[in-house]
Amino acid sequence: MKKVLFVAVLMMSVLVINAQATKTTVTNAKSTKTTVKVADLQKSITDNIAKDYVGYKIKEATNVTANNSVTYNVVVVKGTATETLVYDKDGIFVKKLPHSTVKHHSTHKK
């Protein structure tokens, strides 16, 4: 009975390790980013921003190609608020990216 249990645990371990290796391979795929002029953005993207992000201005846009998929990352700003919006190749809104907080280190000593 102990041998059967040991073999079962060993097989599960191999499956888990194999699954993790596969996941790592997929997430480490190369991507390319190309700057896009705001004037060259699709009308559907600029229309969506005008409608859903009233008062925001487009700061910059990039074309991102990863895993044979093209998306557009568009950074919009309004005052101190900044949002990064993702659109698919057809200009349809996909999601809003979460922002990481940037810590500023002070050089002043108290």
C-alpha atoms as a PDB file:
ATOM      1  CA  MET A   1       0.000   0.000   0.000  1.00  0.00           C
ATOM      2  CA  LYS A   2       2.841   2.385   0.802  1.00  0.00           C
ATOM      3  CA  LYS A   3       4.406   1.734  -2.622  1.00  0.00           C
ATOM      4  CA  VAL A   4       1.141   2.586  -4.394  1.00  0.00           C
ATOM      5  CA  LEU A   5       0.800   5.811  -2.410  1.00  0.00           C
ATOM      6  CA  PHE A   6       4.436   6.713  -3.084  1.00  0.00           C
ATOM      7  CA  VAL A   7       4.013   6.134  -6.835  1.00  0.00           C
ATOM      8  CA  ALA A   8       0.825   8.223  -6.882  1.00  0.00           C
ATOM      9  CA  VAL A   9       2.542  11.130  -5.102  1.00  0.00           C
ATOM     10  CA  LEU A  10       5.516  10.865  -7.440  1.00  0.00           C
ATOM     11  CA  MET A  11       3.262  10.969 -10.522  1.00  0.00           C
ATOM     12  CA  MET A  12       1.370  14.008  -9.202  1.00  0.00           C
ATOM     13  CA  SER A  13       4.668  15.799  -8.575  1.00  0.00           C
ATOM     14  CA  VAL A  14       5.775  15.181 -12.153  1.00  0.00           C
ATOM     15  CA  LEU A  15       2.454  16.513 -13.480  1.00  0.00           C
ATOM     16  CA  VAL A  16       2.675  19.666 -11.361  1.00  0.00           C
ATOM     17  CA  ILE A  17       6.276  20.350 -12.410  1.00  0.00           C
ATOM     18  CA  ASN A  18       5.392  19.783 -16.069  1.00  0.00           C
ATOM     19  CA  ALA A  19       2.402  22.134 -15.842  1.00  0.00           C
ATOM     20  CA  GLN A  20       4.546  24.873 -14.280  1.00  0.00           C
ATOM     21  CA  ALA A  21       7.202  24.511 -16.972  1.00  0.00           C
ATOM     22  CA  THR A  22       4.562  24.877 -19.683  1.00  0.00           C
ATOM     23  CA  LYS A  23       3.112  27.987 -18.039  1.00  0.00           C
ATOM     24  CA  THR A  24       6.556  29.577 -17.746  1.00  0.00           C
ATOM     25  CA  THR A  25       7.255  28.982 -21.419  1.00  0.00           C
ATOM     26  CA  VAL A  26       4.045  30.753 -22.447  1.00  0.00           C
ATOM     27  CA  THR A  27       4.517  33.788 -20.194  1.00  0.00           C
ATOM     28  CA  ASN A  28       8.122  34.361 -21.274  1.00  0.00           C
ATOM     29  CA  ALA A  29       7.189  34.915 -24.920  1.00  0.00           C
ATOM     30  CA  LYS A  30       8.849  37.903 -26.572  1.00  0.00           C
ATOM     31  CA  SER A  31       6.859  41.008 -27.353  1.00  0.00           C
ATOM     32  CA  THR A  32       7.626  44.087 -29.395  1.00  0.00           C
ATOM     33  CA  LYS A  33       6.478  47.631 -28.722  1.00  0.00           C
ATOM     34  CA  THR A  34       6.304  50.377 -31.315  1.00  0.00           C
ATOM     35  CA  THR A  35       5.370  53.990 -30.644  1.00  0.00           C
ATOM     36  CA  VAL A  36       2.233  55.122 -32.467  1.00  0.00           C
ATOM     37  CA  LYS A  37       1.465  58.768 -33.224  1.00  0.00           C
ATOM     38  CA  VAL A  38      -1.763  59.898 -31.595  1.00  0.00           C
ATOM     39  CA  ALA A  39      -2.981  61.143 -34.992  1.00  0.00           C
ATOM     40  CA  ASP A  40      -2.497  57.605 -36.378  1.00  0.00           C
ATOM     41  CA  LEU A  41      -4.718  55.886 -33.786  1.00  0.00           C
ATOM     42  CA  GLN A  42      -7.887  54.263 -35.071  1.00  0.00           C
ATOM     43  CA  LYS A  43     -11.003  56.411 -34.897  1.00  0.00           C
ATOM     44  CA  SER A  44     -12.748  53.799 -32.734  1.00  0.00           C
ATOM     45  CA  ILE A  45     -10.015  54.216 -30.074  1.00  0.00           C
ATOM     46  CA  THR A  46     -10.146  58.017 -30.020  1.00  0.00           C
ATOM     47  CA  ASP A  47     -13.964  57.941 -30.039  1.00  0.00           C
ATOM     48  CA  ASN A  48     -14.017  55.549 -27.067  1.00  0.00           C
ATOM     49  CA  ILE A  49     -11.640  57.756 -25.079  1.00  0.00           C
ATOM     50  CA  ALA A  50     -13.673  60.883 -25.875  1.00  0.00           C
ATOM     51  CA  LYS A  51     -16.873  59.127 -24.726  1.00  0.00           C
ATOM     52  CA  ASP A  52     -15.677  57.112 -21.691  1.00  0.00           C
ATOM     53  CA  TYR A  53     -12.790  59.320 -20.485  1.00  0.00           C
ATOM     54  CA  VAL A  54     -14.201  62.831 -20.826  1.00  0.00           C
ATOM     55  CA  GLY A  55     -11.557  65.465 -20.127  1.00  0.00           C
ATOM     56  CA  TYR A  56      -8.633  63.038 -20.571  1.00  0.00           C
ATOM     57  CA  LYS A  57      -5.936  63.764 -23.150  1.00  0.00           C
ATOM     58  CA  ILE A  58      -3.950  61.067 -24.938  1.00  0.00           C
ATOM     59  CA  LYS A  59      -0.355  61.311 -23.756  1.00  0.00           C
ATOM     60  CA  GLU A  60       1.170  58.423 -25.734  1.00  0.00           C
ATOM     61  CA  ALA A  61       0.299  55.209 -27.524  1.00  0.00           C
ATOM     62  CA  THR A  62       2.180  52.017 -28.335  1.00  0.00           C
ATOM     63  CA  ASN A  63       1.472  49.088 -30.607  1.00  0.00           C
ATOM     64  CA  VAL A  64       2.299  45.847 -28.742  1.00  0.00           C
ATOM     65  CA  THR A  65       2.760  42.554 -30.581  1.00  0.00           C
ATOM     66  CA  ALA A  66       2.991  39.410 -28.436  1.00  0.00           C
ATOM     67  CA  ASN A  67       2.105  35.792 -29.235  1.00  0.00           C
ATOM     68  CA  ASN A  68       0.927  36.810 -32.735  1.00  0.00           C
ATOM     69  CA  SER A  69      -1.574  39.203 -31.138  1.00  0.00           C
ATOM     70  CA  VAL A  70      -1.623  42.969 -31.652  1.00  0.00           C
ATOM     71  CA  THR A  71      -2.898  45.388 -29.024  1.00  0.00           C
ATOM     72  CA  TYR A  72      -2.650  49.124 -28.473  1.00  0.00           C
ATOM     73  CA  ASN A  73      -1.652  50.560 -25.094  1.00  0.00           C
ATOM     74  CA  VAL A  74      -2.892  54.125 -24.795  1.00  0.00           C
ATOM     75  CA  VAL A  75      -1.853  56.341 -21.879  1.00  0.00           C
ATOM     76  CA  VAL A  76      -4.379  59.068 -21.054  1.00  0.00           C
ATOM     77  CA  VAL A  77      -4.047  61.849 -18.485  1.00  0.00           C
ATOM     78  CA  LYS A  78      -6.365  64.282 -16.731  1.00  0.00           C
ATOM     79  CA  GLY A  79      -4.674  66.506 -14.173  1.00  0.00           C
ATOM     80  CA  THR A  80      -2.679  64.143 -11.955  1.00  0.00           C
ATOM     81  CA  ALA A  81      -4.712  61.072 -12.972  1.00  0.00           C
ATOM     82  CA  THR A  82      -3.076  58.708 -15.459  1.00  0.00           C
ATOM     83  CA  GLU A  83      -4.695  55.626 -16.990  1.00  0.00           C
ATOM     84  CA  THR A  84      -3.315  53.019 -19.396  1.00  0.00           C
ATOM     85  CA  LEU A  85      -5.998  51.586 -21.648  1.00  0.00           C
ATOM     86  CA  VAL A  86      -5.630  48.481 -23.809  1.00  0.00           C
ATOM     87  CA  TYR A  87      -7.408  48.071 -27.157  1.00  0.00           C
ATOM     88  CA  ASP A  88      -7.353  45.127 -29.554  1.00  0.00           C
ATOM     89  CA  LYS A  89      -6.215  45.293 -33.182  1.00  0.00           C
ATOM     90  CA  ASP A  90      -9.705  46.389 -34.228  1.00  0.00           C
ATOM     91  CA  GLY A  91      -9.761  49.295 -31.771  1.00  0.00           C
ATOM     92  CA  ILE A  92     -12.128  47.643 -29.291  1.00  0.00           C
ATOM     93  CA  PHE A  93     -11.513  48.361 -25.589  1.00  0.00           C
ATOM     94  CA  VAL A  94     -10.070  45.314 -23.759  1.00  0.00           C
ATOM     95  CA  LYS A  95      -9.063  46.458 -20.271  1.00  0.00           C
ATOM     96  CA  LYS A  96      -7.505  49.118 -18.095  1.00  0.00           C
ATOM     97  CA  LEU A  97      -4.037  48.233 -16.791  1.00  0.00           C
ATOM     98  CA  PRO A  98      -3.364  48.546 -13.062  1.00  0.00           C
ATOM     99  CA  HIS A  99      -0.860  51.213 -12.095  1.00  0.00           C
ATOM    100  CA  SER A 100       2.171  50.467 -10.005  1.00  0.00           C
ATOM    101  CA  THR A 101       3.030  53.132  -7.484  1.00  0.00           C
ATOM    102  CA  VAL A 102       6.377  54.802  -7.942  1.00  0.00           C
ATOM    103  CA  LYS A 103       8.144  55.696  -4.727  1.00  0.00           C
ATOM    104  CA  HIS A 104      10.255  58.794  -4.751  1.00  0.00           C
ATOM    105  CA  HIS A 105      13.249  58.650  -2.468  1.00  0.00           C
ATOM    106  CA  SER A 106      14.066  61.860  -0.715  1.00  0.00           C
ATOM    107  CA  THR A 107      17.669  62.975  -0.457  1.00  0.00           C
ATOM    108  CA  HIS A 108      16.884  65.285   2.447  1.00  0.00           C
ATOM    109  CA  LYS A 109      18.044  64.286   5.910  1.00  0.00           C
ATOM    110  CA  LYS A 110      16.014  65.216   8.929  1.00  0.00           C
END
